[in-house]
Amino acid sequence: MDANEIKIDTYTDIKDKSFQFFIKRLFDIILSLVGIVILSPLFLILWIWIKLDSKGPAVFKQIRVGKDGKNFTIYKFRTMVVNAEAKRELDINPEDMNNFVFQSKSDNRITKSGAFLRKTSLDEIPQLFNVLKGDMSLVGPRPEIPDIVKFYPESYYQRLLVLPGITGLAQTNGRGEIELGKTVYYDLKYIKNFSVWLDIKILFDTVIKVFKSEGAF
């Protein structure tokens, strides 16, 4: 699985599918709005639980890199202690980005409520607001932090050609446990083969993955 093997043609793979991307955006707006309304009681319950479990805000905000390299603020339910980012240095080797893994099973910064939220992926549901705003899509490459993107090899930048997603092909093939090189490979494969039907398949596969609690920590 080598991301360098996949070359995205911005016309054939993206512009030529403009109608499908339009339908995708309509689905994003409708489903995110419905999701926010239906899940609003759950939002309140989780907000209270997180506040009772540890000090700090219930919602975590972070700068991520989106489509065309534009930064945006992502929303998540907080799963770590306050100032967790300052308590960990990213061990990045710019010469070996393929084997970089961002998440760790033994991260002692994760709170008790956070462990459950990560396992069930409930920490991600505030991103429905990102989808409604147009920063993200329901399906697409996961958005990366700027400190990692700045070390991207040239081929990796292709994953910024579309809106980032709450879930994607990489998440249905390993979620948080796979290396960056494999993640980018699956992301580029998704962009290359994008269709509305592929999005639907990924959403169903994601639900199955979440219920099985595979690859999440």
C-alpha atoms as a PDB file:
ATOM      1  CA  MET A   1       0.000   0.000   0.000  1.00  0.00           C
ATOM      2  CA  ASP A   2       1.891   2.992  -1.316  1.00  0.00           C
ATOM      3  CA  ALA A   3       0.242   6.395  -1.674  1.00  0.00           C
ATOM      4  CA  ASN A   4       2.772   7.234  -4.395  1.00  0.00           C
ATOM      5  CA  GLU A   5       1.079   4.630  -6.603  1.00  0.00           C
ATOM      6  CA  ILE A   6      -2.127   6.691  -6.793  1.00  0.00           C
ATOM      7  CA  LYS A   7      -2.261   9.851  -8.876  1.00  0.00           C
ATOM      8  CA  ILE A   8      -5.402  11.969  -8.731  1.00  0.00           C
ATOM      9  CA  ASP A   9      -6.531  13.601 -11.965  1.00  0.00           C
ATOM     10  CA  THR A  10      -8.285  16.780 -10.833  1.00  0.00           C
ATOM     11  CA  TYR A  11     -10.530  16.766 -13.914  1.00  0.00           C
ATOM     12  CA  THR A  12     -11.410  13.083 -14.380  1.00  0.00           C
ATOM     13  CA  ASP A  13     -11.531  12.163 -10.699  1.00  0.00           C
ATOM     14  CA  ILE A  14     -13.047  15.370  -9.312  1.00  0.00           C
ATOM     15  CA  LYS A  15     -14.391  17.966 -11.788  1.00  0.00           C
ATOM     16  CA  ASP A  16     -15.962  15.327 -14.012  1.00  0.00           C
ATOM     17  CA  LYS A  17     -17.903  14.117 -10.961  1.00  0.00           C
ATOM     18  CA  SER A  18     -19.197  17.580 -10.021  1.00  0.00           C
ATOM     19  CA  PHE A  19     -22.851  16.465 -10.040  1.00  0.00           C
ATOM     20  CA  GLN A  20     -22.111  13.595  -7.650  1.00  0.00           C
ATOM     21  CA  PHE A  21     -20.226  15.987  -5.369  1.00  0.00           C
ATOM     22  CA  PHE A  22     -23.296  18.274  -5.496  1.00  0.00           C
ATOM     23  CA  ILE A  23     -25.533  15.368  -4.418  1.00  0.00           C
ATOM     24  CA  LYS A  24     -22.970  14.519  -1.723  1.00  0.00           C
ATOM     25  CA  ARG A  25     -23.223  18.058  -0.333  1.00  0.00           C
ATOM     26  CA  LEU A  26     -27.034  17.882  -0.300  1.00  0.00           C
ATOM     27  CA  PHE A  27     -26.843  14.615   1.650  1.00  0.00           C
ATOM     28  CA  ASP A  28     -24.352  16.219   4.046  1.00  0.00           C
ATOM     29  CA  ILE A  29     -26.679  19.148   4.777  1.00  0.00           C
ATOM     30  CA  ILE A  30     -29.807  17.018   5.214  1.00  0.00           C
ATOM     31  CA  LEU A  31     -28.227  14.204   7.247  1.00  0.00           C
ATOM     32  CA  SER A  32     -26.164  16.497   9.494  1.00  0.00           C
ATOM     33  CA  LEU A  33     -29.199  18.668  10.252  1.00  0.00           C
ATOM     34  CA  VAL A  34     -31.370  15.618  10.991  1.00  0.00           C
ATOM     35  CA  GLY A  35     -28.569  14.125  13.087  1.00  0.00           C
ATOM     36  CA  ILE A  36     -28.172  17.284  15.168  1.00  0.00           C
ATOM     37  CA  VAL A  37     -31.911  17.436  15.886  1.00  0.00           C
ATOM     38  CA  ILE A  38     -32.274  13.731  16.732  1.00  0.00           C
ATOM     39  CA  LEU A  39     -29.079  13.561  18.809  1.00  0.00           C
ATOM     40  CA  SER A  40     -29.652  16.816  20.719  1.00  0.00           C
ATOM     41  CA  PRO A  41     -30.677  14.980  23.951  1.00  0.00           C
ATOM     42  CA  LEU A  42     -27.507  12.860  23.674  1.00  0.00           C
ATOM     43  CA  PHE A  43     -25.425  16.006  23.177  1.00  0.00           C
ATOM     44  CA  LEU A  44     -26.765  17.334  26.489  1.00  0.00           C
ATOM     45  CA  ILE A  45     -26.186  14.060  28.371  1.00  0.00           C
ATOM     46  CA  LEU A  46     -22.593  13.751  27.132  1.00  0.00           C
ATOM     47  CA  TRP A  47     -21.913  17.425  27.848  1.00  0.00           C
ATOM     48  CA  ILE A  48     -23.002  16.956  31.483  1.00  0.00           C
ATOM     49  CA  TRP A  49     -21.035  13.690  31.882  1.00  0.00           C
ATOM     50  CA  ILE A  50     -17.803  15.193  30.563  1.00  0.00           C
ATOM     51  CA  LYS A  51     -18.158  18.238  32.832  1.00  0.00           C
ATOM     52  CA  LEU A  52     -18.718  16.006  35.873  1.00  0.00           C
ATOM     53  CA  ASP A  53     -15.876  13.650  34.969  1.00  0.00           C
ATOM     54  CA  SER A  54     -13.060  16.194  34.644  1.00  0.00           C
ATOM     55  CA  LYS A  55     -12.323  19.901  34.734  1.00  0.00           C
ATOM     56  CA  GLY A  56     -12.491  21.880  31.523  1.00  0.00           C
ATOM     57  CA  PRO A  57     -14.841  22.542  28.614  1.00  0.00           C
ATOM     58  CA  ALA A  58     -16.993  19.691  27.303  1.00  0.00           C
ATOM     59  CA  VAL A  59     -16.272  20.587  23.682  1.00  0.00           C
ATOM     60  CA  PHE A  60     -12.718  20.513  22.381  1.00  0.00           C
ATOM     61  CA  LYS A  61     -11.754  22.845  19.538  1.00  0.00           C
ATOM     62  CA  GLN A  62      -8.686  22.401  17.383  1.00  0.00           C
ATOM     63  CA  ILE A  63      -7.299  23.821  14.153  1.00  0.00           C
ATOM     64  CA  ARG A  64      -7.250  21.275  11.329  1.00  0.00           C
ATOM     65  CA  VAL A  65      -6.293  21.463   7.663  1.00  0.00           C
ATOM     66  CA  GLY A  66      -9.218  21.143   5.284  1.00  0.00           C
ATOM     67  CA  LYS A  67      -9.907  21.224   1.552  1.00  0.00           C
ATOM     68  CA  ASP A  68      -7.284  23.052  -0.513  1.00  0.00           C
ATOM     69  CA  GLY A  69      -5.099  23.408   2.584  1.00  0.00           C
ATOM     70  CA  LYS A  70      -7.428  25.882   4.315  1.00  0.00           C
ATOM     71  CA  ASN A  71      -7.466  25.768   8.108  1.00  0.00           C
ATOM     72  CA  PHE A  72     -10.725  25.440  10.045  1.00  0.00           C
ATOM     73  CA  THR A  73     -11.813  24.788  13.636  1.00  0.00           C
ATOM     74  CA  ILE A  74     -12.971  21.238  14.321  1.00  0.00           C
ATOM     75  CA  TYR A  75     -15.363  20.375  17.155  1.00  0.00           C
ATOM     76  CA  LYS A  76     -15.149  17.229  19.275  1.00  0.00           C
ATOM     77  CA  PHE A  77     -16.275  16.178  22.708  1.00  0.00           C
ATOM     78  CA  ARG A  78     -13.228  16.463  24.968  1.00  0.00           C
ATOM     79  CA  THR A  79     -11.683  13.057  25.713  1.00  0.00           C
ATOM     80  CA  MET A  80      -8.449  14.203  27.344  1.00  0.00           C
ATOM     81  CA  VAL A  81      -7.368  16.315  30.271  1.00  0.00           C
ATOM     82  CA  VAL A  82      -7.140  20.067  29.766  1.00  0.00           C
ATOM     83  CA  ASN A  83      -3.988  21.227  27.926  1.00  0.00           C
ATOM     84  CA  ALA A  84      -3.333  17.669  26.746  1.00  0.00           C
ATOM     85  CA  GLU A  85      -1.588  18.959  23.613  1.00  0.00           C
ATOM     86  CA  ALA A  86       1.050  20.677  25.757  1.00  0.00           C
ATOM     87  CA  LYS A  87       1.730  17.407  27.586  1.00  0.00           C
ATOM     88  CA  ARG A  88       2.832  15.436  24.527  1.00  0.00           C
ATOM     89  CA  GLU A  89       5.481  16.032  21.924  1.00  0.00           C
ATOM     90  CA  LEU A  90       4.773  14.591  18.503  1.00  0.00           C
ATOM     91  CA  ASP A  91       7.424  12.056  17.583  1.00  0.00           C
ATOM     92  CA  ILE A  92       7.573  12.842  13.874  1.00  0.00           C
ATOM     93  CA  ASN A  93      10.315  11.674  11.558  1.00  0.00           C
ATOM     94  CA  PRO A  94       9.921  13.713   8.331  1.00  0.00           C
ATOM     95  CA  GLU A  95      11.928  11.039   6.502  1.00  0.00           C
ATOM     96  CA  ASP A  96       9.507   8.278   7.524  1.00  0.00           C
ATOM     97  CA  MET A  97       5.991   9.724   7.492  1.00  0.00           C
ATOM     98  CA  ASN A  98       4.551   6.435   6.191  1.00  0.00           C
ATOM     99  CA  ASN A  99       4.983   4.732   9.591  1.00  0.00           C
ATOM    100  CA  PHE A 100       3.763   7.600  11.754  1.00  0.00           C
ATOM    101  CA  VAL A 101       0.842   6.687  14.068  1.00  0.00           C
ATOM    102  CA  PHE A 102      -0.889   9.587  15.810  1.00  0.00           C
ATOM    103  CA  GLN A 103      -2.970   7.736  18.408  1.00  0.00           C
ATOM    104  CA  SER A 104      -1.662   5.572  21.223  1.00  0.00           C
ATOM    105  CA  LYS A 105      -3.376   2.804  23.201  1.00  0.00           C
ATOM    106  CA  SER A 106      -1.452   3.745  26.367  1.00  0.00           C
ATOM    107  CA  ASP A 107      -2.126   7.507  26.368  1.00  0.00           C
ATOM    108  CA  ASN A 108      -2.491   8.536  30.030  1.00  0.00           C
ATOM    109  CA  ARG A 109      -4.053  11.878  29.084  1.00  0.00           C
ATOM    110  CA  ILE A 110      -7.396  10.232  28.231  1.00  0.00           C
ATOM    111  CA  THR A 111     -10.161  10.705  30.806  1.00  0.00           C
ATOM    112  CA  LYS A 112     -12.581   8.001  31.979  1.00  0.00           C
ATOM    113  CA  SER A 113     -15.436   9.436  29.966  1.00  0.00           C
ATOM    114  CA  GLY A 114     -13.036  10.015  27.097  1.00  0.00           C
ATOM    115  CA  ALA A 115     -12.115   6.337  26.886  1.00  0.00           C
ATOM    116  CA  PHE A 116     -15.768   5.435  26.368  1.00  0.00           C
ATOM    117  CA  LEU A 117     -16.368   8.271  23.917  1.00  0.00           C
ATOM    118  CA  ARG A 118     -13.398   7.215  21.801  1.00  0.00           C
ATOM    119  CA  LYS A 119     -14.376   3.557  21.857  1.00  0.00           C
ATOM    120  CA  THR A 120     -17.855   4.388  20.610  1.00  0.00           C
ATOM    121  CA  SER A 121     -16.744   7.338  18.419  1.00  0.00           C
ATOM    122  CA  LEU A 122     -19.309   9.533  20.190  1.00  0.00           C
ATOM    123  CA  ASP A 123     -16.583  12.145  20.616  1.00  0.00           C
ATOM    124  CA  GLU A 124     -16.899  12.835  16.888  1.00  0.00           C
ATOM    125  CA  ILE A 125     -20.607  13.734  16.737  1.00  0.00           C
ATOM    126  CA  PRO A 126     -20.104  17.513  17.305  1.00  0.00           C
ATOM    127  CA  GLN A 127     -18.496  17.447  13.854  1.00  0.00           C
ATOM    128  CA  LEU A 128     -22.027  17.317  12.460  1.00  0.00           C
ATOM    129  CA  PHE A 129     -21.880  21.103  12.954  1.00  0.00           C
ATOM    130  CA  ASN A 130     -18.672  21.190  10.872  1.00  0.00           C
ATOM    131  CA  VAL A 131     -20.492  19.265   8.150  1.00  0.00           C
ATOM    132  CA  LEU A 132     -23.475  21.627   8.248  1.00  0.00           C
ATOM    133  CA  LYS A 133     -21.132  24.629   8.017  1.00  0.00           C
ATOM    134  CA  GLY A 134     -19.374  23.149   4.991  1.00  0.00           C
ATOM    135  CA  ASP A 135     -15.958  22.668   6.628  1.00  0.00           C
ATOM    136  CA  MET A 136     -16.330  18.897   6.430  1.00  0.00           C
ATOM    137  CA  SER A 137     -18.329  16.104   4.817  1.00  0.00           C
ATOM    138  CA  LEU A 138     -19.794  12.993   6.403  1.00  0.00           C
ATOM    139  CA  VAL A 139     -17.331  10.938   4.352  1.00  0.00           C
ATOM    140  CA  GLY A 140     -13.800  11.909   3.329  1.00  0.00           C
ATOM    141  CA  PRO A 141     -10.187  11.882   4.513  1.00  0.00           C
ATOM    142  CA  ARG A 142      -9.818  12.675   8.206  1.00  0.00           C
ATOM    143  CA  PRO A 143      -8.535  16.259   8.675  1.00  0.00           C
ATOM    144  CA  GLU A 144      -4.970  16.509   9.949  1.00  0.00           C
ATOM    145  CA  ILE A 145      -3.351  19.037  12.282  1.00  0.00           C
ATOM    146  CA  PRO A 146      -1.022  21.620  10.658  1.00  0.00           C
ATOM    147  CA  ASP A 147       2.040  20.276  12.538  1.00  0.00           C
ATOM    148  CA  ILE A 148       1.722  17.008  10.615  1.00  0.00           C
ATOM    149  CA  VAL A 149       0.652  18.431   7.248  1.00  0.00           C
ATOM    150  CA  LYS A 150       3.775  20.585   7.074  1.00  0.00           C
ATOM    151  CA  PHE A 151       5.837  17.380   6.819  1.00  0.00           C
ATOM    152  CA  TYR A 152       3.686  15.819   4.078  1.00  0.00           C
ATOM    153  CA  PRO A 153       5.507  14.286   1.112  1.00  0.00           C
ATOM    154  CA  GLU A 154       4.206  15.665  -2.189  1.00  0.00           C
ATOM    155  CA  SER A 155       1.843  12.747  -2.884  1.00  0.00           C
ATOM    156  CA  TYR A 156       0.074  13.200   0.483  1.00  0.00           C
ATOM    157  CA  TYR A 157      -1.212  16.656  -0.462  1.00  0.00           C
ATOM    158  CA  GLN A 158      -3.643  15.008  -2.866  1.00  0.00           C
ATOM    159  CA  ARG A 159      -5.860  14.116   0.104  1.00  0.00           C
ATOM    160  CA  LEU A 160      -6.578  17.862   0.476  1.00  0.00           C
ATOM    161  CA  LEU A 161      -8.397  17.977  -2.878  1.00  0.00           C
ATOM    162  CA  VAL A 162     -11.748  17.176  -1.245  1.00  0.00           C
ATOM    163  CA  LEU A 163     -13.531  18.073   1.979  1.00  0.00           C
ATOM    164  CA  PRO A 164     -12.317  16.098   4.999  1.00  0.00           C
ATOM    165  CA  GLY A 165     -14.804  13.725   6.580  1.00  0.00           C
ATOM    166  CA  ILE A 166     -16.054  12.417   9.908  1.00  0.00           C
ATOM    167  CA  THR A 167     -15.388   8.934   8.570  1.00  0.00           C
ATOM    168  CA  GLY A 168     -13.725   7.519   5.489  1.00  0.00           C
ATOM    169  CA  LEU A 169     -12.315   4.496   3.735  1.00  0.00           C
ATOM    170  CA  ALA A 170      -9.292   4.500   6.055  1.00  0.00           C
ATOM    171  CA  GLN A 171     -11.538   4.439   9.126  1.00  0.00           C
ATOM    172  CA  THR A 172     -13.398   1.373   7.845  1.00  0.00           C
ATOM    173  CA  ASN A 173     -10.050  -0.352   7.328  1.00  0.00           C
ATOM    174  CA  GLY A 174      -8.478   0.196  10.739  1.00  0.00           C
ATOM    175  CA  ARG A 175      -9.658   3.476  12.287  1.00  0.00           C
ATOM    176  CA  GLY A 176      -7.000   4.819  14.687  1.00  0.00           C
ATOM    177  CA  GLU A 177      -4.624   1.874  14.611  1.00  0.00           C
ATOM    178  CA  ILE A 178      -3.094   2.160  11.120  1.00  0.00           C
ATOM    179  CA  GLU A 179      -0.012   4.076  10.018  1.00  0.00           C
ATOM    180  CA  LEU A 180      -0.257   7.397   8.191  1.00  0.00           C
ATOM    181  CA  GLY A 181       1.026   5.851   4.945  1.00  0.00           C
ATOM    182  CA  LYS A 182      -1.837   3.337   4.872  1.00  0.00           C
ATOM    183  CA  THR A 183      -4.322   6.024   5.874  1.00  0.00           C
ATOM    184  CA  VAL A 184      -3.293   8.246   2.972  1.00  0.00           C
ATOM    185  CA  TYR A 185      -3.375   5.267   0.596  1.00  0.00           C
ATOM    186  CA  TYR A 186      -6.997   4.561   1.516  1.00  0.00           C
ATOM    187  CA  ASP A 187      -7.868   8.286   1.347  1.00  0.00           C
ATOM    188  CA  LEU A 188      -6.457   8.628  -2.162  1.00  0.00           C
ATOM    189  CA  LYS A 189      -8.153   5.402  -3.219  1.00  0.00           C
ATOM    190  CA  TYR A 190     -11.433   6.882  -1.974  1.00  0.00           C
ATOM    191  CA  ILE A 191     -10.953  10.137  -3.913  1.00  0.00           C
ATOM    192  CA  LYS A 192      -9.942   8.243  -7.054  1.00  0.00           C
ATOM    193  CA  ASN A 193     -13.049   6.041  -6.895  1.00  0.00           C
ATOM    194  CA  PHE A 194     -15.489   8.510  -5.357  1.00  0.00           C
ATOM    195  CA  SER A 195     -19.199   8.013  -5.906  1.00  0.00           C
ATOM    196  CA  VAL A 196     -22.320   8.646  -3.839  1.00  0.00           C
ATOM    197  CA  TRP A 197     -22.785   4.879  -3.579  1.00  0.00           C
ATOM    198  CA  LEU A 198     -19.274   4.503  -2.177  1.00  0.00           C
ATOM    199  CA  ASP A 199     -20.150   7.100   0.487  1.00  0.00           C
ATOM    200  CA  ILE A 200     -23.261   5.132   1.436  1.00  0.00           C
ATOM    201  CA  LYS A 201     -21.242   1.912   1.688  1.00  0.00           C
ATOM    202  CA  ILE A 202     -18.615   3.609   3.898  1.00  0.00           C
ATOM    203  CA  LEU A 203     -21.298   5.010   6.212  1.00  0.00           C
ATOM    204  CA  PHE A 204     -22.821   1.535   6.679  1.00  0.00           C
ATOM    205  CA  ASP A 205     -19.365  -0.013   7.182  1.00  0.00           C
ATOM    206  CA  THR A 206     -18.584   2.668   9.771  1.00  0.00           C
ATOM    207  CA  VAL A 207     -21.690   1.828  11.798  1.00  0.00           C
ATOM    208  CA  ILE A 208     -20.645  -1.843  11.828  1.00  0.00           C
ATOM    209  CA  LYS A 209     -17.083  -0.933  12.875  1.00  0.00           C
ATOM    210  CA  VAL A 210     -18.331   1.287  15.693  1.00  0.00           C
ATOM    211  CA  PHE A 211     -20.677  -1.385  17.051  1.00  0.00           C
ATOM    212  CA  LYS A 212     -17.824  -3.892  16.999  1.00  0.00           C
ATOM    213  CA  SER A 213     -15.464  -1.320  18.596  1.00  0.00           C
ATOM    214  CA  GLU A 214     -12.734  -2.260  16.118  1.00  0.00           C
ATOM    215  CA  GLY A 215      -9.557  -0.206  15.882  1.00  0.00           C
ATOM    216  CA  ALA A 216     -10.632   2.515  18.279  1.00  0.00           C
ATOM    217  CA  PHE A 217      -8.772   3.649  21.401  1.00  0.00           C
END
